Amino acid sequence: MCPAPGDHRPEKAAADSPQSLSQLEDVDLVRRAAGGDEAAFGVLIERFGGLVLGLSRRKVGRDDADDVAQDALLHIWRSLPSLREPRAFIGWLSRLVQNRAHRWIQQKQRKRVVLQQARSELLARARHRSKESTSFETDELVHRLPDEMRLALQWKYIEGHSYEEIGERLGMSFHQVDYLMRRARAALRKELKRSESAKGGSA
């Protein structure tokens, strides 16, 4: 795994060949990676990537393990400069992976609860609206959208929440929310055109 573009890291050590790096002890690789050596970090991933994935699977299950492992590896790369004792790397890595997995579980549970609560609220509101109104018809079209799209539109255009607030509820970054909103608006336009075509055909 390569570090995220734009990460600010200390100045890199002199480049070595993969063969020479593979001869180094773990502690030396950790020191070099903590100093910004991406090649040394790559060798560490080769050695300990299986451990990271295995810990992730035990904590979150097979379906989410790859995502948790990628998140943990990125966090390891960013946090290595703060590791005071390179010889404690394996224990430090294990704790970090478990912490990231626990955070992942909490976010997923919180997102599930938010989606369930919002779905119930939207259904309750829809039942109290007149079936003759245009707003109800639009609501019906919105309700055909996937949960995350529907809730994003509701929170943004009805309740007035910011992208940051929506992202906090859904466990998404600002850019992920922006992409979700664009997809949701496109999907709603598609549903509106389909509804208008159906009306025209039945007229």
N, C-alpha and C. Protein backbone atom coordinates (compact mmCIF):
# COMPACT_ATOMS: atom_id res chain seq x y z
N MET A 1 0.84 -1.19 0.00
CA MET A 1 0.00 0.00 0.00
C MET A 1 0.87 1.23 0.00
N CYS A 2 0.53 2.19 -0.79
CA CYS A 2 1.28 3.43 -0.84
C CYS A 2 0.62 4.45 0.07
N PRO A 3 1.40 5.34 0.70
CA PRO A 3 0.82 6.39 1.54
C PRO A 3 -0.08 7.30 0.73
N ALA A 4 -1.02 7.93 1.41
CA ALA A 4 -1.95 8.81 0.73
C ALA A 4 -1.23 10.01 0.16
N PRO A 5 -1.59 10.45 -1.06
CA PRO A 5 -0.97 11.64 -1.65
C PRO A 5 -1.15 12.83 -0.75
N GLY A 6 -0.09 13.62 -0.62
CA GLY A 6 -0.21 14.84 0.16
C GLY A 6 0.12 14.65 1.62
N ASP A 7 0.38 13.41 2.07
CA ASP A 7 0.78 13.21 3.46
C ASP A 7 2.08 13.95 3.72
N HIS A 8 2.13 14.65 4.83
CA HIS A 8 3.36 15.36 5.18
C HIS A 8 4.19 14.43 6.05
N ARG A 9 5.35 14.03 5.56
CA ARG A 9 6.24 13.14 6.29
C ARG A 9 7.63 13.72 6.35
N PRO A 10 8.46 13.27 7.28
CA PRO A 10 9.84 13.75 7.34
C PRO A 10 10.59 13.41 6.06
N GLU A 11 11.72 14.06 5.87
CA GLU A 11 12.52 13.83 4.66
C GLU A 11 12.95 12.38 4.56
N LYS A 12 12.84 11.80 3.38
CA LYS A 12 13.13 10.38 3.18
C LYS A 12 14.62 10.09 3.31
N ALA A 13 14.89 8.86 3.75
CA ALA A 13 16.26 8.39 3.79
C ALA A 13 16.71 8.02 2.38
N ALA A 14 18.01 7.80 2.23
CA ALA A 14 18.54 7.43 0.91
C ALA A 14 17.90 6.14 0.44
N ALA A 15 17.62 6.10 -0.87
CA ALA A 15 16.91 4.94 -1.43
C ALA A 15 17.81 3.71 -1.43
N ASP A 16 17.21 2.57 -1.15
CA ASP A 16 17.89 1.28 -1.21
C ASP A 16 17.12 0.38 -2.14
N SER A 17 17.79 -0.64 -2.63
CA SER A 17 17.12 -1.61 -3.49
C SER A 17 16.19 -2.46 -2.63
N PRO A 18 15.13 -3.01 -3.23
CA PRO A 18 14.24 -3.90 -2.48
C PRO A 18 14.98 -5.08 -1.86
N GLN A 19 16.02 -5.56 -2.56
CA GLN A 19 16.78 -6.69 -2.05
C GLN A 19 17.51 -6.33 -0.77
N SER A 20 18.12 -5.13 -0.75
CA SER A 20 18.87 -4.72 0.43
C SER A 20 17.93 -4.43 1.59
N LEU A 21 16.78 -3.86 1.30
CA LEU A 21 15.81 -3.58 2.36
C LEU A 21 15.27 -4.88 2.97
N SER A 22 15.10 -5.88 2.14
CA SER A 22 14.55 -7.14 2.64
C SER A 22 15.50 -7.84 3.60
N GLN A 23 16.78 -7.43 3.59
CA GLN A 23 17.76 -8.03 4.50
C GLN A 23 17.75 -7.37 5.87
N LEU A 24 17.09 -6.24 6.00
CA LEU A 24 17.11 -5.50 7.25
C LEU A 24 16.21 -6.16 8.30
N GLU A 25 16.56 -5.95 9.55
CA GLU A 25 15.73 -6.40 10.66
C GLU A 25 14.49 -5.52 10.74
N ASP A 26 13.46 -6.06 11.41
CA ASP A 26 12.21 -5.31 11.54
C ASP A 26 12.43 -3.94 12.16
N VAL A 27 13.23 -3.89 13.21
CA VAL A 27 13.42 -2.63 13.93
C VAL A 27 14.06 -1.57 13.03
N ASP A 28 14.98 -2.01 12.15
CA ASP A 28 15.61 -1.05 11.23
C ASP A 28 14.62 -0.55 10.19
N LEU A 29 13.78 -1.44 9.71
CA LEU A 29 12.74 -1.04 8.76
C LEU A 29 11.77 -0.05 9.39
N VAL A 30 11.42 -0.30 10.64
CA VAL A 30 10.50 0.59 11.35
C VAL A 30 11.12 1.98 11.47
N ARG A 31 12.39 2.03 11.84
CA ARG A 31 13.06 3.34 11.97
C ARG A 31 13.08 4.07 10.63
N ARG A 32 13.38 3.36 9.58
CA ARG A 32 13.44 3.99 8.26
C ARG A 32 12.05 4.44 7.80
N ALA A 33 11.04 3.60 8.03
CA ALA A 33 9.69 3.97 7.64
C ALA A 33 9.20 5.17 8.45
N ALA A 34 9.56 5.21 9.71
CA ALA A 34 9.17 6.36 10.55
C ALA A 34 9.82 7.64 10.06
N GLY A 35 10.94 7.51 9.38
CA GLY A 35 11.61 8.68 8.81
C GLY A 35 11.12 9.06 7.43
N GLY A 36 10.12 8.32 6.92
CA GLY A 36 9.52 8.68 5.64
C GLY A 36 9.91 7.80 4.48
N ASP A 37 10.60 6.69 4.75
CA ASP A 37 11.04 5.79 3.69
C ASP A 37 9.88 4.88 3.27
N GLU A 38 9.26 5.19 2.13
CA GLU A 38 8.10 4.43 1.66
C GLU A 38 8.48 3.00 1.28
N ALA A 39 9.68 2.82 0.72
CA ALA A 39 10.10 1.48 0.33
C ALA A 39 10.25 0.58 1.57
N ALA A 40 10.79 1.15 2.65
CA ALA A 40 10.92 0.38 3.88
C ALA A 40 9.53 0.03 4.44
N PHE A 41 8.62 0.96 4.33
CA PHE A 41 7.25 0.67 4.79
C PHE A 41 6.62 -0.42 3.94
N GLY A 42 6.93 -0.43 2.64
CA GLY A 42 6.41 -1.48 1.77
C GLY A 42 6.89 -2.85 2.20
N VAL A 43 8.14 -2.94 2.64
CA VAL A 43 8.66 -4.22 3.11
C VAL A 43 7.96 -4.62 4.42
N LEU A 44 7.71 -3.64 5.28
CA LEU A 44 6.98 -3.93 6.52
C LEU A 44 5.59 -4.47 6.21
N ILE A 45 4.94 -3.91 5.21
CA ILE A 45 3.61 -4.40 4.84
C ILE A 45 3.69 -5.84 4.34
N GLU A 46 4.73 -6.14 3.56
CA GLU A 46 4.90 -7.52 3.09
C GLU A 46 5.05 -8.48 4.27
N ARG A 47 5.72 -8.03 5.31
CA ARG A 47 5.97 -8.90 6.46
C ARG A 47 4.77 -9.00 7.39
N PHE A 48 4.06 -7.91 7.56
CA PHE A 48 3.02 -7.87 8.59
C PHE A 48 1.61 -7.64 8.05
N GLY A 49 1.48 -7.55 6.72
CA GLY A 49 0.15 -7.34 6.14
C GLY A 49 -0.81 -8.47 6.49
N GLY A 50 -0.29 -9.71 6.52
CA GLY A 50 -1.14 -10.84 6.89
C GLY A 50 -1.64 -10.74 8.31
N LEU A 51 -0.78 -10.24 9.22
CA LEU A 51 -1.20 -10.05 10.61
C LEU A 51 -2.30 -8.99 10.70
N VAL A 52 -2.12 -7.89 9.97
CA VAL A 52 -3.13 -6.82 9.97
C VAL A 52 -4.46 -7.34 9.46
N LEU A 53 -4.44 -8.08 8.37
CA LEU A 53 -5.67 -8.61 7.80
C LEU A 53 -6.32 -9.64 8.74
N GLY A 54 -5.49 -10.48 9.35
CA GLY A 54 -6.03 -11.48 10.27
C GLY A 54 -6.69 -10.85 11.48
N LEU A 55 -6.06 -9.83 12.05
CA LEU A 55 -6.65 -9.13 13.19
C LEU A 55 -7.96 -8.45 12.78
N SER A 56 -7.97 -7.89 11.59
CA SER A 56 -9.17 -7.21 11.10
C SER A 56 -10.32 -8.20 10.94
N ARG A 57 -10.02 -9.36 10.40
CA ARG A 57 -11.07 -10.36 10.20
C ARG A 57 -11.65 -10.83 11.53
N ARG A 58 -10.79 -10.99 12.53
CA ARG A 58 -11.28 -11.46 13.82
C ARG A 58 -12.18 -10.42 14.48
N LYS A 59 -11.92 -9.15 14.21
CA LYS A 59 -12.70 -8.08 14.84
C LYS A 59 -13.98 -7.75 14.11
N VAL A 60 -13.94 -7.70 12.75
CA VAL A 60 -15.10 -7.20 12.01
C VAL A 60 -15.69 -8.23 11.05
N GLY A 61 -15.04 -9.38 10.89
CA GLY A 61 -15.55 -10.37 9.95
C GLY A 61 -14.93 -10.21 8.57
N ARG A 62 -15.13 -11.21 7.74
CA ARG A 62 -14.47 -11.26 6.43
C ARG A 62 -14.93 -10.15 5.49
N ASP A 63 -16.23 -9.78 5.53
CA ASP A 63 -16.76 -8.82 4.57
C ASP A 63 -16.11 -7.45 4.68
N ASP A 64 -15.86 -6.99 5.91
CA ASP A 64 -15.31 -5.65 6.12
C ASP A 64 -13.80 -5.65 6.38
N ALA A 65 -13.19 -6.83 6.43
CA ALA A 65 -11.80 -6.93 6.85
C ALA A 65 -10.85 -6.15 5.94
N ASP A 66 -11.04 -6.25 4.63
CA ASP A 66 -10.14 -5.56 3.70
C ASP A 66 -10.18 -4.05 3.92
N ASP A 67 -11.38 -3.50 4.10
CA ASP A 67 -11.51 -2.06 4.31
C ASP A 67 -10.85 -1.64 5.61
N VAL A 68 -11.06 -2.42 6.66
CA VAL A 68 -10.45 -2.09 7.95
C VAL A 68 -8.94 -2.19 7.87
N ALA A 69 -8.44 -3.22 7.19
CA ALA A 69 -6.99 -3.39 7.05
C ALA A 69 -6.37 -2.22 6.30
N GLN A 70 -7.01 -1.77 5.21
CA GLN A 70 -6.51 -0.62 4.46
C GLN A 70 -6.50 0.64 5.31
N ASP A 71 -7.58 0.84 6.05
CA ASP A 71 -7.67 1.99 6.95
C ASP A 71 -6.56 1.93 8.00
N ALA A 72 -6.33 0.74 8.57
CA ALA A 72 -5.31 0.58 9.60
C ALA A 72 -3.91 0.82 9.05
N LEU A 73 -3.63 0.30 7.85
CA LEU A 73 -2.31 0.48 7.26
C LEU A 73 -2.02 1.96 6.99
N LEU A 74 -3.02 2.67 6.52
CA LEU A 74 -2.84 4.11 6.29
C LEU A 74 -2.57 4.82 7.61
N HIS A 75 -3.30 4.43 8.65
CA HIS A 75 -3.12 5.04 9.96
C HIS A 75 -1.75 4.68 10.55
N ILE A 76 -1.29 3.46 10.31
CA ILE A 76 0.03 3.05 10.76
C ILE A 76 1.11 3.92 10.11
N TRP A 77 0.99 4.11 8.80
CA TRP A 77 1.95 4.95 8.07
C TRP A 77 2.00 6.36 8.64
N ARG A 78 0.84 6.92 8.89
CA ARG A 78 0.79 8.30 9.39
C ARG A 78 1.26 8.41 10.84
N SER A 79 1.11 7.33 11.61
CA SER A 79 1.41 7.38 13.04
C SER A 79 2.80 6.89 13.39
N LEU A 80 3.51 6.29 12.45
CA LEU A 80 4.83 5.72 12.75
C LEU A 80 5.80 6.72 13.38
N PRO A 81 5.82 7.98 12.94
CA PRO A 81 6.76 8.92 13.57
C PRO A 81 6.54 9.08 15.08
N SER A 82 5.36 8.76 15.57
CA SER A 82 5.08 8.91 17.00
C SER A 82 5.46 7.67 17.81
N LEU A 83 5.90 6.60 17.13
CA LEU A 83 6.31 5.38 17.83
C LEU A 83 7.69 5.60 18.43
N ARG A 84 7.75 5.65 19.76
CA ARG A 84 9.01 5.96 20.43
C ARG A 84 9.97 4.78 20.46
N GLU A 85 9.43 3.58 20.56
CA GLU A 85 10.29 2.40 20.68
C GLU A 85 10.04 1.46 19.50
N PRO A 86 10.88 1.51 18.48
CA PRO A 86 10.68 0.65 17.30
C PRO A 86 10.60 -0.84 17.62
N ARG A 87 11.25 -1.27 18.69
CA ARG A 87 11.21 -2.70 19.03
C ARG A 87 9.82 -3.14 19.50
N ALA A 88 8.99 -2.19 19.84
CA ALA A 88 7.63 -2.50 20.29
C ALA A 88 6.64 -2.44 19.14
N PHE A 89 7.15 -2.47 17.90
CA PHE A 89 6.31 -2.25 16.73
C PHE A 89 5.15 -3.23 16.62
N ILE A 90 5.39 -4.51 16.81
CA ILE A 90 4.33 -5.51 16.60
C ILE A 90 3.18 -5.30 17.58
N GLY A 91 3.49 -5.10 18.85
CA GLY A 91 2.44 -4.86 19.83
C GLY A 91 1.70 -3.56 19.55
N TRP A 92 2.45 -2.53 19.16
CA TRP A 92 1.85 -1.24 18.82
C TRP A 92 0.93 -1.39 17.61
N LEU A 93 1.42 -2.11 16.60
CA LEU A 93 0.61 -2.34 15.41
C LEU A 93 -0.69 -3.08 15.75
N SER A 94 -0.58 -4.11 16.57
CA SER A 94 -1.77 -4.91 16.92
C SER A 94 -2.80 -4.06 17.64
N ARG A 95 -2.34 -3.24 18.57
CA ARG A 95 -3.29 -2.37 19.30
C ARG A 95 -3.93 -1.36 18.36
N LEU A 96 -3.14 -0.82 17.45
CA LEU A 96 -3.68 0.18 16.52
C LEU A 96 -4.74 -0.45 15.61
N VAL A 97 -4.47 -1.65 15.08
CA VAL A 97 -5.44 -2.32 14.22
C VAL A 97 -6.73 -2.59 14.98
N GLN A 98 -6.62 -3.07 16.21
CA GLN A 98 -7.81 -3.34 17.00
C GLN A 98 -8.60 -2.07 17.30
N ASN A 99 -7.89 -0.97 17.54
CA ASN A 99 -8.57 0.30 17.79
C ASN A 99 -9.30 0.79 16.54
N ARG A 100 -8.65 0.66 15.38
CA ARG A 100 -9.30 1.09 14.14
C ARG A 100 -10.50 0.21 13.83
N ALA A 101 -10.39 -1.10 14.13
CA ALA A 101 -11.51 -2.00 13.91
C ALA A 101 -12.67 -1.65 14.83
N HIS A 102 -12.36 -1.34 16.08
CA HIS A 102 -13.41 -0.97 17.03
C HIS A 102 -14.10 0.32 16.58
N ARG A 103 -13.32 1.27 16.09
CA ARG A 103 -13.89 2.52 15.57
C ARG A 103 -14.80 2.24 14.38
N TRP A 104 -14.36 1.33 13.51
CA TRP A 104 -15.15 0.94 12.33
C TRP A 104 -16.49 0.36 12.76
N ILE A 105 -16.46 -0.52 13.76
CA ILE A 105 -17.69 -1.15 14.25
C ILE A 105 -18.64 -0.10 14.82
N GLN A 106 -18.10 0.83 15.59
CA GLN A 106 -18.94 1.89 16.17
C GLN A 106 -19.58 2.74 15.10
N GLN A 107 -18.81 3.11 14.07
CA GLN A 107 -19.36 3.92 12.99
C GLN A 107 -20.45 3.17 12.24
N LYS A 108 -20.23 1.90 12.00
CA LYS A 108 -21.21 1.10 11.27
C LYS A 108 -22.50 0.95 12.08
N GLN A 109 -22.37 0.72 13.39
CA GLN A 109 -23.55 0.60 14.23
C GLN A 109 -24.31 1.93 14.31
N ARG A 110 -23.56 3.02 14.46
CA ARG A 110 -24.20 4.33 14.54
C ARG A 110 -24.91 4.66 13.23
N LYS A 111 -24.28 4.32 12.12
CA LYS A 111 -24.90 4.56 10.82
C LYS A 111 -26.17 3.75 10.66
N ARG A 112 -26.16 2.48 11.12
CA ARG A 112 -27.35 1.64 11.00
C ARG A 112 -28.51 2.20 11.82
N VAL A 113 -28.20 2.67 13.03
CA VAL A 113 -29.25 3.24 13.89
C VAL A 113 -29.82 4.50 13.27
N VAL A 114 -28.93 5.35 12.76
CA VAL A 114 -29.38 6.60 12.13
C VAL A 114 -30.28 6.31 10.94
N LEU A 115 -29.89 5.35 10.11
CA LEU A 115 -30.70 5.01 8.94
C LEU A 115 -32.06 4.47 9.35
N GLN A 116 -32.11 3.63 10.37
CA GLN A 116 -33.38 3.07 10.83
C GLN A 116 -34.29 4.16 11.39
N GLN A 117 -33.72 5.05 12.21
CA GLN A 117 -34.52 6.12 12.80
C GLN A 117 -35.03 7.08 11.73
N ALA A 118 -34.16 7.43 10.79
CA ALA A 118 -34.57 8.37 9.75
C ALA A 118 -35.61 7.74 8.83
N ARG A 119 -35.47 6.46 8.54
CA ARG A 119 -36.45 5.79 7.70
C ARG A 119 -37.83 5.80 8.35
N SER A 120 -37.88 5.53 9.64
CA SER A 120 -39.16 5.54 10.36
C SER A 120 -39.78 6.93 10.37
N GLU A 121 -38.92 7.93 10.56
CA GLU A 121 -39.41 9.31 10.59
C GLU A 121 -39.97 9.73 9.23
N LEU A 122 -39.27 9.37 8.17
CA LEU A 122 -39.74 9.73 6.83
C LEU A 122 -41.06 9.05 6.50
N LEU A 123 -41.20 7.80 6.88
CA LEU A 123 -42.45 7.09 6.63
C LEU A 123 -43.60 7.71 7.40
N ALA A 124 -43.32 8.10 8.65
CA ALA A 124 -44.37 8.73 9.46
C ALA A 124 -44.81 10.05 8.85
N ARG A 125 -43.86 10.83 8.36
CA ARG A 125 -44.22 12.11 7.74
C ARG A 125 -45.03 11.90 6.47
N ALA A 126 -44.63 10.91 5.69
CA ALA A 126 -45.34 10.66 4.44
C ALA A 126 -46.79 10.26 4.68
N ARG A 127 -47.04 9.51 5.73
CA ARG A 127 -48.41 9.05 6.01
C ARG A 127 -49.34 10.22 6.33
N HIS A 128 -48.77 11.33 6.84
CA HIS A 128 -49.61 12.46 7.25
C HIS A 128 -49.79 13.50 6.16
N ARG A 129 -49.27 13.25 5.01
CA ARG A 129 -49.42 14.21 3.91
C ARG A 129 -50.54 13.79 2.98
N SER A 130 -51.12 14.76 2.37
CA SER A 130 -52.22 14.47 1.45
C SER A 130 -51.71 13.77 0.21
N LYS A 131 -52.41 12.73 -0.18
CA LYS A 131 -52.01 11.98 -1.36
C LYS A 131 -52.30 12.77 -2.64
N GLU A 132 -53.05 13.88 -2.50
CA GLU A 132 -53.35 14.68 -3.68
C GLU A 132 -52.27 15.70 -3.97
N SER A 133 -51.37 15.91 -3.05
CA SER A 133 -50.43 17.02 -3.20
C SER A 133 -49.23 16.62 -4.04
N THR A 134 -48.64 17.63 -4.70
CA THR A 134 -47.44 17.40 -5.49
C THR A 134 -46.28 17.01 -4.60
N SER A 135 -46.23 17.60 -3.39
CA SER A 135 -45.13 17.28 -2.48
C SER A 135 -45.17 15.82 -2.10
N PHE A 136 -46.38 15.27 -1.93
CA PHE A 136 -46.47 13.85 -1.60
C PHE A 136 -45.97 13.00 -2.76
N GLU A 137 -46.31 13.40 -3.98
CA GLU A 137 -45.86 12.65 -5.15
C GLU A 137 -44.34 12.65 -5.22
N THR A 138 -43.74 13.82 -4.94
CA THR A 138 -42.29 13.90 -4.94
C THR A 138 -41.69 13.02 -3.86
N ASP A 139 -42.34 13.03 -2.68
CA ASP A 139 -41.89 12.16 -1.58
C ASP A 139 -41.90 10.71 -2.00
N GLU A 140 -42.95 10.32 -2.73
CA GLU A 140 -43.05 8.94 -3.17
C GLU A 140 -41.87 8.58 -4.08
N LEU A 141 -41.48 9.52 -4.94
CA LEU A 141 -40.35 9.28 -5.83
C LEU A 141 -39.04 9.20 -5.03
N VAL A 142 -38.91 10.08 -4.06
CA VAL A 142 -37.71 10.08 -3.22
C VAL A 142 -37.59 8.76 -2.47
N HIS A 143 -38.73 8.23 -2.03
CA HIS A 143 -38.72 6.98 -1.26
C HIS A 143 -38.31 5.78 -2.09
N ARG A 144 -38.28 5.93 -3.39
CA ARG A 144 -37.81 4.84 -4.25
C ARG A 144 -36.29 4.76 -4.29
N LEU A 145 -35.63 5.83 -3.84
CA LEU A 145 -34.18 5.88 -3.88
C LEU A 145 -33.59 5.03 -2.77
N PRO A 146 -32.33 4.60 -2.92
CA PRO A 146 -31.66 3.88 -1.84
C PRO A 146 -31.62 4.71 -0.56
N ASP A 147 -31.53 4.06 0.57
CA ASP A 147 -31.61 4.74 1.86
C ASP A 147 -30.68 5.94 1.97
N GLU A 148 -29.39 5.76 1.65
CA GLU A 148 -28.43 6.84 1.85
C GLU A 148 -28.74 8.04 0.96
N MET A 149 -29.16 7.80 -0.28
CA MET A 149 -29.52 8.90 -1.17
C MET A 149 -30.73 9.65 -0.63
N ARG A 150 -31.76 8.88 -0.24
CA ARG A 150 -32.99 9.49 0.25
C ARG A 150 -32.73 10.35 1.49
N LEU A 151 -31.96 9.81 2.41
CA LEU A 151 -31.70 10.53 3.65
C LEU A 151 -30.83 11.75 3.42
N ALA A 152 -29.87 11.63 2.51
CA ALA A 152 -29.02 12.78 2.21
C ALA A 152 -29.85 13.94 1.65
N LEU A 153 -30.78 13.64 0.74
CA LEU A 153 -31.66 14.68 0.19
C LEU A 153 -32.54 15.27 1.28
N GLN A 154 -33.10 14.42 2.13
CA GLN A 154 -33.96 14.88 3.22
C GLN A 154 -33.20 15.81 4.16
N TRP A 155 -32.03 15.37 4.59
CA TRP A 155 -31.27 16.17 5.56
C TRP A 155 -30.77 17.48 4.97
N LYS A 156 -30.43 17.47 3.67
CA LYS A 156 -29.89 18.67 3.05
C LYS A 156 -30.98 19.66 2.70
N TYR A 157 -32.02 19.24 1.99
CA TYR A 157 -32.98 20.18 1.41
C TYR A 157 -34.23 20.41 2.26
N ILE A 158 -34.50 19.53 3.21
CA ILE A 158 -35.66 19.74 4.08
C ILE A 158 -35.22 20.21 5.46
N GLU A 159 -34.20 19.56 6.01
CA GLU A 159 -33.77 19.92 7.35
C GLU A 159 -32.61 20.90 7.36
N GLY A 160 -31.98 21.13 6.21
CA GLY A 160 -30.96 22.16 6.08
C GLY A 160 -29.61 21.84 6.68
N HIS A 161 -29.26 20.57 6.78
CA HIS A 161 -27.97 20.20 7.35
C HIS A 161 -26.84 20.42 6.33
N SER A 162 -25.66 20.68 6.83
CA SER A 162 -24.49 20.86 5.97
C SER A 162 -23.94 19.49 5.55
N TYR A 163 -23.05 19.51 4.55
CA TYR A 163 -22.41 18.27 4.12
C TYR A 163 -21.62 17.64 5.27
N GLU A 164 -20.99 18.50 6.09
CA GLU A 164 -20.22 17.98 7.22
C GLU A 164 -21.13 17.24 8.21
N GLU A 165 -22.31 17.81 8.48
CA GLU A 165 -23.24 17.17 9.41
C GLU A 165 -23.79 15.87 8.83
N ILE A 166 -24.09 15.88 7.54
CA ILE A 166 -24.57 14.66 6.88
C ILE A 166 -23.47 13.60 6.91
N GLY A 167 -22.23 14.00 6.65
CA GLY A 167 -21.12 13.06 6.68
C GLY A 167 -20.92 12.45 8.05
N GLU A 168 -21.12 13.26 9.10
CA GLU A 168 -20.98 12.73 10.46
C GLU A 168 -22.04 11.68 10.74
N ARG A 169 -23.26 11.90 10.26
CA ARG A 169 -24.34 10.94 10.48
C ARG A 169 -24.10 9.65 9.71
N LEU A 170 -23.55 9.76 8.50
CA LEU A 170 -23.39 8.59 7.64
C LEU A 170 -21.99 7.99 7.70
N GLY A 171 -21.10 8.60 8.47
CA GLY A 171 -19.74 8.09 8.53
C GLY A 171 -18.99 8.28 7.24
N MET A 172 -19.21 9.45 6.57
CA MET A 172 -18.58 9.73 5.28
C MET A 172 -17.76 11.01 5.35
N SER A 173 -16.81 11.14 4.44
CA SER A 173 -16.06 12.38 4.31
C SER A 173 -16.90 13.40 3.53
N PHE A 174 -16.44 14.65 3.52
CA PHE A 174 -17.13 15.71 2.77
C PHE A 174 -17.26 15.33 1.30
N HIS A 175 -16.16 14.82 0.72
CA HIS A 175 -16.17 14.48 -0.71
C HIS A 175 -17.08 13.30 -0.99
N GLN A 176 -17.17 12.36 -0.07
CA GLN A 176 -18.08 11.22 -0.26
C GLN A 176 -19.53 11.69 -0.22
N VAL A 177 -19.85 12.63 0.67
CA VAL A 177 -21.20 13.18 0.74
C VAL A 177 -21.53 13.94 -0.53
N ASP A 178 -20.56 14.72 -1.01
CA ASP A 178 -20.78 15.48 -2.25
C ASP A 178 -21.08 14.53 -3.41
N TYR A 179 -20.33 13.45 -3.51
CA TYR A 179 -20.57 12.46 -4.57
C TYR A 179 -21.92 11.80 -4.39
N LEU A 180 -22.28 11.48 -3.15
CA LEU A 180 -23.58 10.87 -2.87
C LEU A 180 -24.72 11.81 -3.26
N MET A 181 -24.58 13.10 -2.97
CA MET A 181 -25.63 14.07 -3.29
C MET A 181 -25.80 14.19 -4.80
N ARG A 182 -24.70 14.20 -5.53
CA ARG A 182 -24.81 14.30 -7.00
C ARG A 182 -25.50 13.07 -7.58
N ARG A 183 -25.16 11.90 -7.05
CA ARG A 183 -25.83 10.68 -7.50
C ARG A 183 -27.31 10.69 -7.13
N ALA A 184 -27.62 11.18 -5.93
CA ALA A 184 -29.01 11.22 -5.48
C ALA A 184 -29.85 12.15 -6.34
N ARG A 185 -29.30 13.33 -6.67
CA ARG A 185 -30.05 14.28 -7.51
C ARG A 185 -30.26 13.70 -8.91
N ALA A 186 -29.24 13.03 -9.43
CA ALA A 186 -29.37 12.42 -10.76
C ALA A 186 -30.42 11.31 -10.74
N ALA A 187 -30.42 10.51 -9.67
CA ALA A 187 -31.40 9.42 -9.56
C ALA A 187 -32.82 9.97 -9.43
N LEU A 188 -32.97 11.06 -8.68
CA LEU A 188 -34.30 11.66 -8.52
C LEU A 188 -34.81 12.23 -9.84
N ARG A 189 -33.92 12.88 -10.59
CA ARG A 189 -34.33 13.40 -11.90
C ARG A 189 -34.78 12.27 -12.81
N LYS A 190 -34.10 11.15 -12.73
CA LYS A 190 -34.46 9.98 -13.54
C LYS A 190 -35.85 9.47 -13.14
N GLU A 191 -36.12 9.43 -11.84
CA GLU A 191 -37.44 8.98 -11.36
C GLU A 191 -38.54 9.95 -11.80
N LEU A 192 -38.24 11.26 -11.75
CA LEU A 192 -39.23 12.25 -12.17
C LEU A 192 -39.56 12.12 -13.65
N LYS A 193 -38.53 11.92 -14.48
CA LYS A 193 -38.77 11.75 -15.91
C LYS A 193 -39.58 10.49 -16.17
N ARG A 194 -39.28 9.43 -15.44
CA ARG A 194 -40.02 8.18 -15.61
C ARG A 194 -41.48 8.36 -15.22
N SER A 195 -41.72 9.11 -14.14
CA SER A 195 -43.09 9.35 -13.70
C SER A 195 -43.85 10.19 -14.70
N GLU A 196 -43.18 11.22 -15.24
CA GLU A 196 -43.85 12.08 -16.23
C GLU A 196 -44.15 11.31 -17.51
N SER A 197 -43.25 10.43 -17.91
CA SER A 197 -43.50 9.61 -19.11
C SER A 197 -44.67 8.66 -18.90
N ALA A 198 -44.79 8.12 -17.70
CA ALA A 198 -45.89 7.22 -17.40
C ALA A 198 -47.23 7.96 -17.43
N LYS A 199 -47.23 9.20 -16.94
CA LYS A 199 -48.45 10.01 -16.97
C LYS A 199 -48.84 10.32 -18.41
N GLY A 200 -47.83 10.66 -19.22
CA GLY A 200 -48.12 10.99 -20.61
C GLY A 200 -48.67 9.80 -21.36
N GLY A 201 -48.19 8.61 -21.03
CA GLY A 201 -48.66 7.42 -21.72
C GLY A 201 -50.05 7.01 -21.33
N SER A 202 -50.46 7.39 -20.10
CA SER A 202 -51.79 7.01 -19.64
C SER A 202 -52.83 8.08 -19.92
N ALA A 203 -52.38 9.25 -20.43
CA ALA A 203 -53.33 10.33 -20.68
C ALA A 203 -54.21 10.03 -21.88
